[in-house]
Amino acid sequence: MKTKRLIIKRILSKIFLVTFLSSGIIPVHAQKTLILSLDSAINYAIDHNRKLINSRFAVDESAQQIKASIARGLPQANATLDYTNYLGAEAQLQMNPSAPPITIQFNPTSNFRASVNQLVFSGSYYVGLKLARLANKVSEQNYQKDILDVKEQTIQAYYMILITQKLIDILKENRTNSQITYKKTKDLANAGVIEKTDAKKLSVMVASIDNALKSTERQLELGYNILRLQLGLKPGQTITLSTGLADIQQKYIQPAFLTNNFNIRNNLDYQLALLQNQMAEKQVLLKKSSYLPTIVATYAYTKKIKKPLFDITPKNMIGLTLSIPILSGGQRLAEVKQAKINYDIARNTKALLTDQLTMTEKQLRYNYDNLLEQFESQKMNVNVAKDVLDHMNLKYKQGLVSSLDLTSANNDYLTAQSNYYSAMIKLLNAELALLKINNNL
């Protein structure tokens, strides 16, 4: 009986497990690989980057601030309903000393009041509205600047992955060749044809290449994580890059745009400085407007729901309120002077930024020109190092050179490859910096 009960319990446990898994309580989703070209990666980042999402929220918020500023100048309506009970209170009124006083009883009252206020004139309102619209433009400009930053960082991560993957392919190929050479050398050393030290030296070279490969593979995963962050993806999302390094090299490594003249007005930082300059100027007007009067028109309607015994309050009322600022103890004057100082600072900042951007753009062009020359030089070095390594491999097989010579040639080739791709990524990033400062990304 115990055995039957145990079997039944196992069957029930299996049935429960199958039901539990199939019910969707533990969802198992197969992640789809996201295939991205360079252009599609940029577009995806613009749509899903979390920093850009917040930036779009800021633009929407500033748009609502404009509506709120406009609403201050539109009719403002309010309504109140009250009830008052004087708890049987009375008042005596004696018009003639010889006559008995008149007793007035305060009965409960209830009123409904509705009023409409309309701002007729306010200098601060009109200037504040212009400031709100400028603030909205600043938010939109910051959003465009954030887009430019995300584009640059996404492209840099894309470049990093492609070049790192290329280095991994080279290291794998080199490791395979080194392992083949090491095996042949080890067999010869075991047969007593050559010294065993030659085989040991080659084993060190194979281990060194293997360590370099593992390190580069970790760098590749870091590159993918950076790209996932820019794209707003989850850490485990698999990505495949469809644009090859050769396509990027052919499309982007070219000095044609170096002949273009720098137009500082296209630069987003300069455009932002212009807007901030205008805002500082409007702040001066806003502080000056505090000297101006404010006029408000009012209409009020009162409906007596429960009237007192004696009521002379009119139902309708219309009026104008004129508020004239007279003395502020020098506060308004100090605020105007402070706003003027901030405006002078903004103008000076814009002039400083103009000089800085002009010098930076020239330096970026100079850097790009130098890096382009270095890239071409490193390309030649790789070809030379590859030829030397091939000849060394051939000579080593023929017994004309030692394993030390072969190891040295292999190290020279790896160094040349590393320098070549290092020069390539520096050149591509230098081009990105030039495109960014010209707002051409």
Protein backbone atom coordinates (compact mmCIF):
# COMPACT_ATOMS: atom_id res chain seq x y z
CA MET A 1 0.00 0.00 0.00
CA LYS A 2 2.79 2.39 0.86
CA THR A 3 4.40 1.76 -2.50
CA LYS A 4 1.13 2.52 -4.33
CA ARG A 5 0.67 5.74 -2.36
CA LEU A 6 4.21 6.83 -3.19
CA ILE A 7 3.62 6.16 -6.90
CA ILE A 8 0.34 8.12 -6.81
CA LYS A 9 2.06 11.06 -5.09
CA ARG A 10 4.76 11.13 -7.79
CA ILE A 11 2.15 11.05 -10.56
CA LEU A 12 0.19 13.89 -8.92
CA SER A 13 3.39 15.91 -8.47
CA LYS A 14 4.22 15.56 -12.15
CA ILE A 15 0.67 16.53 -13.16
CA PHE A 16 0.84 19.60 -10.89
CA LEU A 17 4.22 20.62 -12.31
CA VAL A 18 3.02 20.32 -15.91
CA THR A 19 -0.15 22.29 -15.10
CA PHE A 20 1.90 24.94 -13.26
CA LEU A 21 4.28 25.46 -16.18
CA SER A 22 1.55 25.44 -18.84
CA SER A 23 -0.60 27.92 -16.94
CA GLY A 24 1.87 30.72 -17.66
CA ILE A 25 2.78 31.38 -14.02
CA ILE A 26 6.41 30.88 -14.99
CA PRO A 27 6.64 32.53 -18.41
CA VAL A 28 9.43 31.41 -20.66
CA HIS A 29 10.02 33.81 -23.53
CA ALA A 30 12.48 33.14 -26.27
CA GLN A 31 14.35 36.35 -26.96
CA LYS A 32 14.54 37.29 -30.59
CA THR A 33 17.84 38.48 -31.97
CA LEU A 34 17.77 42.17 -32.87
CA ILE A 35 19.48 42.67 -36.24
CA LEU A 36 20.69 46.24 -36.66
CA SER A 37 22.50 48.12 -39.35
CA LEU A 38 24.33 51.27 -38.31
CA ASP A 39 21.47 53.51 -39.48
CA SER A 40 18.78 51.36 -37.88
CA ALA A 41 20.75 51.30 -34.61
CA ILE A 42 20.82 55.11 -34.62
CA ASN A 43 17.07 55.31 -35.30
CA TYR A 44 16.32 52.70 -32.65
CA ALA A 45 18.38 54.63 -30.10
CA ILE A 46 16.53 57.87 -30.89
CA ASP A 47 13.21 56.14 -30.24
CA HIS A 48 14.14 54.09 -27.15
CA ASN A 49 17.09 55.75 -25.39
CA ARG A 50 15.96 56.55 -21.85
CA LYS A 51 17.81 59.86 -21.70
CA LEU A 52 16.02 60.99 -24.86
CA ILE A 53 12.68 59.86 -23.46
CA ASN A 54 13.22 62.15 -20.45
CA SER A 55 14.31 64.91 -22.80
CA ARG A 56 11.07 64.56 -24.76
CA PHE A 57 9.16 64.76 -21.48
CA ALA A 58 10.97 68.02 -20.74
CA VAL A 59 9.86 69.42 -24.11
CA ASP A 60 6.25 68.42 -23.38
CA GLU A 61 6.48 69.99 -19.93
CA SER A 62 7.73 73.31 -21.33
CA ALA A 63 4.87 73.26 -23.85
CA GLN A 64 2.43 72.93 -20.95
CA GLN A 65 4.17 75.83 -19.21
CA ILE A 66 3.37 78.01 -22.25
CA LYS A 67 -0.30 77.03 -21.98
CA ALA A 68 -0.26 77.83 -18.26
CA SER A 69 1.30 81.24 -18.97
CA ILE A 70 -1.32 82.00 -21.63
CA ALA A 71 -4.11 80.92 -19.26
CA ARG A 72 -3.11 83.62 -16.77
CA GLY A 73 -4.32 86.24 -19.26
CA LEU A 74 -7.63 84.52 -19.99
CA PRO A 75 -10.86 85.07 -17.98
CA GLN A 76 -10.72 83.53 -14.52
CA ALA A 77 -14.11 82.41 -13.16
CA ASN A 78 -14.85 81.43 -9.57
CA ALA A 79 -18.02 80.45 -7.72
CA THR A 80 -18.79 80.19 -3.99
CA LEU A 81 -21.77 78.94 -2.03
CA ASP A 82 -22.13 79.82 1.65
CA TYR A 83 -24.55 79.33 4.52
CA THR A 84 -24.54 81.35 7.74
CA ASN A 85 -26.61 80.72 10.88
CA TYR A 86 -26.46 83.35 13.67
CA LEU A 87 -27.98 80.99 16.26
CA GLY A 88 -30.92 83.25 17.12
CA ALA A 89 -28.84 86.39 17.64
CA GLU A 90 -30.75 89.69 17.83
CA ALA A 91 -29.89 93.39 17.58
CA GLN A 92 -31.76 96.40 18.91
CA LEU A 93 -32.07 99.63 16.94
CA GLN A 94 -33.42 102.78 18.66
CA MET A 95 -34.10 105.62 16.27
CA ASN A 96 -35.82 107.91 18.89
CA PRO A 97 -34.98 108.03 22.60
CA SER A 98 -38.61 108.44 23.45
CA ALA A 99 -39.66 105.45 21.36
CA PRO A 100 -39.08 101.82 22.32
CA PRO A 101 -36.14 100.09 20.54
CA ILE A 102 -36.73 97.96 17.51
CA THR A 103 -35.56 94.37 17.77
CA ILE A 104 -33.95 92.91 14.65
CA GLN A 105 -33.46 89.16 14.49
CA PHE A 106 -30.65 87.68 12.39
CA ASN A 107 -32.14 84.85 10.47
CA PRO A 108 -29.95 82.27 8.55
CA THR A 109 -28.65 83.39 5.18
CA SER A 110 -27.26 81.59 2.15
CA ASN A 111 -25.60 83.13 -0.91
CA PHE A 112 -24.34 81.94 -4.27
CA ARG A 113 -21.63 84.16 -5.74
CA ALA A 114 -19.99 83.96 -9.17
CA SER A 115 -17.21 86.25 -10.34
CA VAL A 116 -15.14 86.65 -13.48
CA ASN A 117 -11.76 88.42 -13.55
CA GLN A 118 -10.03 89.48 -16.74
CA LEU A 119 -6.48 90.76 -16.86
CA VAL A 120 -6.57 93.93 -18.94
CA PHE A 121 -2.96 94.98 -18.74
CA SER A 122 0.17 93.55 -17.11
CA GLY A 123 3.66 94.11 -18.42
CA SER A 124 5.04 91.10 -16.56
CA TYR A 125 2.37 88.88 -18.18
CA TYR A 126 3.37 89.70 -21.75
CA VAL A 127 7.09 89.47 -21.07
CA GLY A 128 6.61 86.27 -19.06
CA LEU A 129 4.75 84.73 -21.99
CA LYS A 130 7.69 85.46 -24.28
CA LEU A 131 10.05 83.94 -21.71
CA ALA A 132 7.93 80.78 -21.55
CA ARG A 133 8.10 80.43 -25.33
CA LEU A 134 11.87 80.92 -25.24
CA ALA A 135 12.13 78.30 -22.49
CA ASN A 136 10.24 75.91 -24.75
CA LYS A 137 12.75 76.57 -27.54
CA VAL A 138 15.60 75.91 -25.09
CA SER A 139 14.00 72.56 -24.16
CA GLU A 140 13.67 71.64 -27.83
CA GLN A 141 17.28 72.70 -28.43
CA ASN A 142 18.47 70.58 -25.50
CA TYR A 143 16.51 67.67 -26.95
CA GLN A 144 18.27 68.07 -30.31
CA LYS A 145 21.60 68.25 -28.48
CA ASP A 146 20.78 65.06 -26.58
CA ILE A 147 19.90 63.37 -29.88
CA LEU A 148 23.32 64.37 -31.22
CA ASP A 149 25.04 62.94 -28.12
CA VAL A 150 23.10 59.66 -28.34
CA LYS A 151 23.87 59.35 -32.05
CA GLU A 152 27.59 59.82 -31.39
CA GLN A 153 27.67 57.35 -28.48
CA THR A 154 25.65 54.76 -30.42
CA ILE A 155 27.96 55.00 -33.43
CA GLN A 156 31.04 54.80 -31.20
CA ALA A 157 29.69 51.64 -29.53
CA TYR A 158 28.88 50.17 -32.96
CA TYR A 159 32.43 50.92 -34.16
CA MET A 160 33.92 49.44 -31.00
CA ILE A 161 32.04 46.16 -31.43
CA LEU A 162 33.00 45.78 -35.10
CA ILE A 163 36.69 46.47 -34.54
CA THR A 164 36.83 44.29 -31.44
CA GLN A 165 35.17 41.46 -33.37
CA LYS A 166 37.73 41.89 -36.15
CA LEU A 167 40.56 41.64 -33.63
CA ILE A 168 38.98 38.46 -32.23
CA ASP A 169 38.84 36.92 -35.71
CA ILE A 170 42.50 37.77 -36.27
CA LEU A 171 43.50 36.36 -32.88
CA LYS A 172 41.56 33.14 -33.52
CA GLU A 173 43.21 32.69 -36.89
CA ASN A 174 46.58 33.44 -35.38
CA ARG A 175 45.96 31.04 -32.50
CA THR A 176 45.01 28.26 -34.94
CA ASN A 177 48.18 28.81 -36.97
CA SER A 178 50.28 28.97 -33.82
CA GLN A 179 48.76 25.76 -32.47
CA ILE A 180 49.52 23.96 -35.72
CA THR A 181 53.11 25.22 -35.68
CA TYR A 182 53.47 24.32 -32.00
CA LYS A 183 52.20 20.75 -32.61
CA LYS A 184 54.63 20.19 -35.45
CA THR A 185 57.47 21.66 -33.40
CA LYS A 186 56.58 19.50 -30.41
CA ASP A 187 56.57 16.37 -32.56
CA LEU A 188 60.00 17.27 -33.92
CA ALA A 189 61.27 17.98 -30.40
CA ASN A 190 59.96 14.62 -29.16
CA ALA A 191 61.67 12.93 -32.09
CA GLY A 192 64.93 14.65 -31.10
CA VAL A 193 65.23 16.58 -34.34
CA ILE A 194 65.20 19.99 -32.61
CA GLU A 195 65.63 21.29 -29.09
CA LYS A 196 62.66 21.05 -26.73
CA THR A 197 63.20 24.68 -25.75
CA ASP A 198 61.89 25.68 -29.20
CA ALA A 199 58.64 23.89 -28.47
CA LYS A 200 58.40 25.52 -25.03
CA LYS A 201 58.87 28.99 -26.54
CA LEU A 202 56.07 28.33 -28.99
CA SER A 203 53.82 27.10 -26.16
CA VAL A 204 54.35 30.45 -24.44
CA MET A 205 53.34 32.23 -27.65
CA VAL A 206 50.17 30.13 -27.94
CA ALA A 207 49.26 30.86 -24.30
CA SER A 208 49.89 34.58 -24.84
CA ILE A 209 47.60 34.63 -27.88
CA ASP A 210 44.95 32.71 -25.97
CA ASN A 211 45.06 35.23 -23.09
CA ALA A 212 44.80 38.12 -25.54
CA LEU A 213 41.80 36.44 -27.16
CA LYS A 214 39.97 36.04 -23.84
CA SER A 215 40.64 39.66 -22.91
CA THR A 216 39.37 40.87 -26.28
CA GLU A 217 36.23 38.74 -25.97
CA ARG A 218 35.50 40.44 -22.64
CA GLN A 219 35.95 43.81 -24.34
CA LEU A 220 33.48 42.71 -26.99
CA GLU A 221 30.84 41.94 -24.37
CA LEU A 222 31.50 45.35 -22.81
CA GLY A 223 30.92 46.94 -26.22
CA TYR A 224 27.59 45.13 -26.59
CA ASN A 225 26.53 46.25 -23.10
CA ILE A 226 27.32 49.87 -23.97
CA LEU A 227 25.29 49.56 -27.16
CA ARG A 228 22.38 47.97 -25.28
CA LEU A 229 22.43 50.88 -22.85
CA GLN A 230 22.26 53.41 -25.69
CA LEU A 231 19.43 51.49 -27.36
CA GLY A 232 17.44 51.19 -24.14
CA LEU A 233 17.56 47.37 -24.28
CA LYS A 234 17.60 44.84 -21.48
CA PRO A 235 21.03 43.41 -20.55
CA GLY A 236 20.28 39.95 -21.96
CA GLN A 237 19.04 41.09 -25.38
CA THR A 238 21.04 39.53 -28.21
CA ILE A 239 22.14 41.85 -31.01
CA THR A 240 23.55 41.18 -34.46
CA LEU A 241 25.24 43.98 -36.38
CA SER A 242 24.55 43.83 -40.10
CA THR A 243 26.83 46.68 -41.25
CA GLY A 244 30.36 45.41 -41.82
CA LEU A 245 33.60 47.15 -40.97
CA ALA A 246 34.57 47.24 -44.64
CA ASP A 247 31.35 49.11 -45.48
CA ILE A 248 32.02 51.67 -42.76
CA GLN A 249 35.61 52.06 -43.83
CA GLN A 250 34.60 52.64 -47.43
CA LYS A 251 31.80 55.07 -46.56
CA TYR A 252 33.24 57.11 -43.73
CA ILE A 253 37.00 57.16 -44.02
CA GLN A 254 37.34 59.90 -46.60
CA PRO A 255 38.66 63.47 -46.27
CA ALA A 256 36.14 65.07 -48.63
CA PHE A 257 34.27 67.00 -45.96
CA LEU A 258 37.50 68.57 -44.67
CA THR A 259 37.21 71.17 -47.41
CA ASN A 260 33.85 72.38 -46.05
CA ASN A 261 33.90 75.68 -44.21
CA PHE A 262 32.78 75.74 -40.60
CA ASN A 263 29.46 77.54 -40.07
CA ILE A 264 29.19 78.20 -36.35
CA ARG A 265 25.46 78.94 -36.61
CA ASN A 266 24.87 75.25 -37.36
CA ASN A 267 26.41 74.26 -34.04
CA LEU A 268 23.83 73.32 -31.41
CA ASP A 269 25.83 74.71 -28.50
CA TYR A 270 26.01 78.06 -30.27
CA GLN A 271 22.28 78.00 -31.01
CA LEU A 272 21.61 77.22 -27.35
CA ALA A 273 23.83 80.14 -26.30
CA LEU A 274 21.83 82.45 -28.58
CA LEU A 275 18.58 81.37 -26.95
CA GLN A 276 20.00 81.83 -23.46
CA ASN A 277 21.18 85.28 -24.53
CA GLN A 278 17.65 86.17 -25.63
CA MET A 279 16.23 84.85 -22.36
CA ALA A 280 18.65 87.00 -20.36
CA GLU A 281 17.56 90.02 -22.40
CA LYS A 282 13.88 89.25 -21.73
CA GLN A 283 14.65 88.91 -18.02
CA VAL A 284 15.76 92.55 -18.03
CA LEU A 285 12.42 93.54 -19.60
CA LEU A 286 10.57 91.38 -17.06
CA LYS A 287 12.21 93.18 -14.14
CA LYS A 288 11.55 96.56 -15.74
CA SER A 289 7.88 95.66 -16.20
CA SER A 290 7.51 95.52 -12.42
CA TYR A 291 7.40 99.34 -12.53
CA LEU A 292 4.26 99.26 -14.69
CA PRO A 293 0.70 99.22 -13.30
CA THR A 294 -1.65 96.26 -13.52
CA ILE A 295 -5.30 96.55 -14.53
CA VAL A 296 -7.87 93.85 -13.80
CA ALA A 297 -11.57 93.94 -14.74
CA THR A 298 -14.08 92.16 -12.49
CA TYR A 299 -17.70 91.12 -12.79
CA ALA A 300 -19.56 89.54 -9.86
CA TYR A 301 -23.08 88.15 -9.50
CA THR A 302 -24.69 87.30 -6.15
CA LYS A 303 -27.84 85.22 -5.77
CA LYS A 304 -29.53 85.29 -2.35
CA ILE A 305 -30.78 81.80 -1.60
CA LYS A 306 -31.83 82.67 1.96
CA LYS A 307 -32.20 86.44 2.35
CA PRO A 308 -31.82 88.37 5.59
CA LEU A 309 -34.69 90.54 6.80
CA PHE A 310 -32.79 93.64 5.82
CA ASP A 311 -30.88 93.30 2.52
CA ILE A 312 -29.51 96.08 0.34
CA THR A 313 -26.75 94.13 -1.46
CA PRO A 314 -26.98 94.45 -5.29
CA LYS A 315 -26.99 91.30 -7.39
CA ASN A 316 -24.57 92.51 -10.10
CA MET A 317 -21.27 94.32 -9.78
CA ILE A 318 -18.62 95.35 -12.28
CA GLY A 319 -15.35 97.11 -11.58
CA LEU A 320 -11.76 97.85 -12.50
CA THR A 321 -8.76 97.47 -10.24
CA LEU A 322 -5.65 99.51 -10.95
CA SER A 323 -2.54 98.45 -9.01
CA ILE A 324 0.27 101.01 -9.13
CA PRO A 325 3.69 100.09 -7.68
CA ILE A 326 5.10 103.06 -5.79
CA LEU A 327 7.92 102.18 -3.41
CA SER A 328 9.81 98.90 -2.95
CA GLY A 329 12.76 100.09 -0.91
CA GLY A 330 15.04 99.84 -3.94
CA GLN A 331 14.28 96.15 -4.52
CA ARG A 332 12.97 96.59 -8.06
CA LEU A 333 15.96 98.73 -9.05
CA ALA A 334 18.40 96.14 -7.67
CA GLU A 335 16.60 93.35 -9.54
CA VAL A 336 16.80 95.28 -12.81
CA LYS A 337 20.52 95.88 -12.33
CA GLN A 338 21.05 92.20 -11.48
CA ALA A 339 19.19 91.15 -14.65
CA LYS A 340 21.39 93.50 -16.71
CA ILE A 341 24.52 91.96 -15.19
CA ASN A 342 23.25 88.46 -16.07
CA TYR A 343 22.57 89.68 -19.62
CA ASP A 344 26.15 90.99 -19.90
CA ILE A 345 27.41 87.62 -18.63
CA ALA A 346 25.31 85.81 -21.25
CA ARG A 347 26.68 88.03 -24.03
CA ASN A 348 30.25 87.47 -22.87
CA THR A 349 29.63 83.71 -22.61
CA LYS A 350 28.36 83.66 -26.18
CA ALA A 351 31.45 85.51 -27.40
CA LEU A 352 33.71 83.11 -25.46
CA LEU A 353 31.87 80.09 -26.86
CA THR A 354 32.29 81.47 -30.39
CA ASP A 355 36.07 81.62 -29.94
CA GLN A 356 36.19 78.18 -28.30
CA LEU A 357 34.12 76.49 -31.01
CA THR A 358 36.19 78.08 -33.78
CA MET A 359 39.44 76.88 -32.20
CA THR A 360 38.01 73.44 -31.39
CA GLU A 361 36.83 72.92 -34.96
CA LYS A 362 40.28 73.80 -36.31
CA GLN A 363 41.92 71.44 -33.83
CA LEU A 364 39.53 68.64 -34.79
CA ARG A 365 40.37 69.11 -38.47
CA TYR A 366 44.08 69.05 -37.60
CA ASN A 367 43.63 65.86 -35.55
CA TYR A 368 41.66 64.19 -38.33
CA ASP A 369 44.32 65.02 -40.90
CA ASN A 370 47.07 63.56 -38.68
CA LEU A 371 45.05 60.44 -37.86
CA LEU A 372 44.29 59.86 -41.52
CA GLU A 373 48.02 59.86 -42.28
CA GLN A 374 48.67 57.51 -39.34
CA PHE A 375 45.92 55.19 -40.53
CA GLU A 376 47.42 54.90 -44.00
CA SER A 377 50.83 54.31 -42.47
CA GLN A 378 49.52 51.56 -40.17
CA LYS A 379 47.78 49.91 -43.11
CA MET A 380 51.16 49.61 -44.85
CA ASN A 381 52.76 48.30 -41.64
CA VAL A 382 50.17 45.50 -41.41
CA ASN A 383 50.87 44.39 -44.96
CA VAL A 384 54.62 44.39 -44.32
CA ALA A 385 54.26 42.54 -41.01
CA LYS A 386 52.00 39.95 -42.66
CA ASP A 387 54.54 39.33 -45.43
CA VAL A 388 57.33 38.98 -42.88
CA LEU A 389 55.30 36.50 -40.81
CA ASP A 390 54.45 34.39 -43.88
CA HIS A 391 58.13 34.26 -44.87
CA MET A 392 59.13 33.36 -41.31
CA ASN A 393 56.60 30.53 -41.22
CA LEU A 394 57.98 29.18 -44.49
CA LYS A 395 61.59 29.48 -43.30
CA TYR A 396 60.73 27.91 -39.94
CA LYS A 397 59.23 24.88 -41.67
CA GLN A 398 62.43 24.60 -43.67
CA GLY A 399 64.52 24.88 -40.50
CA LEU A 400 66.15 28.16 -41.56
CA VAL A 401 65.02 30.26 -38.56
CA SER A 402 64.43 29.54 -34.89
CA SER A 403 61.19 29.55 -32.96
CA LEU A 404 62.32 32.80 -31.34
CA ASP A 405 62.42 34.47 -34.75
CA LEU A 406 58.96 33.13 -35.57
CA THR A 407 57.58 34.31 -32.21
CA SER A 408 59.06 37.75 -32.76
CA ALA A 409 57.54 38.00 -36.24
CA ASN A 410 54.17 36.87 -34.89
CA ASN A 411 54.29 39.49 -32.12
CA ASP A 412 55.19 42.16 -34.67
CA TYR A 413 52.20 41.19 -36.78
CA LEU A 414 49.81 41.27 -33.81
CA THR A 415 51.19 44.66 -32.78
CA ALA A 416 50.76 45.98 -36.33
CA GLN A 417 47.17 44.70 -36.44
CA SER A 418 46.41 46.26 -33.06
CA ASN A 419 47.95 49.60 -34.09
CA TYR A 420 46.03 49.51 -37.39
CA TYR A 421 42.62 49.04 -35.79
CA SER A 422 43.49 51.46 -33.01
CA ALA A 423 44.28 54.06 -35.67
CA MET A 424 41.04 53.20 -37.47
CA ILE A 425 38.82 53.71 -34.42
CA LYS A 426 40.61 56.96 -33.56
CA LEU A 427 40.11 58.16 -37.12
CA LEU A 428 36.42 57.22 -37.12
CA ASN A 429 35.87 58.92 -33.76
CA ALA A 430 37.73 62.01 -34.98
CA GLU A 431 35.38 62.15 -37.94
CA LEU A 432 32.42 61.80 -35.60
CA ALA A 433 33.67 64.76 -33.56
CA LEU A 434 33.96 66.87 -36.72
CA LEU A 435 30.51 65.88 -37.90
CA LYS A 436 29.07 66.59 -34.46
CA ILE A 437 30.51 70.08 -34.12
CA ASN A 438 29.09 70.86 -37.57
CA ASN A 439 25.72 69.27 -36.61
CA ASN A 440 25.98 66.82 -39.53
CA LEU A 441 25.56 63.51 -37.66
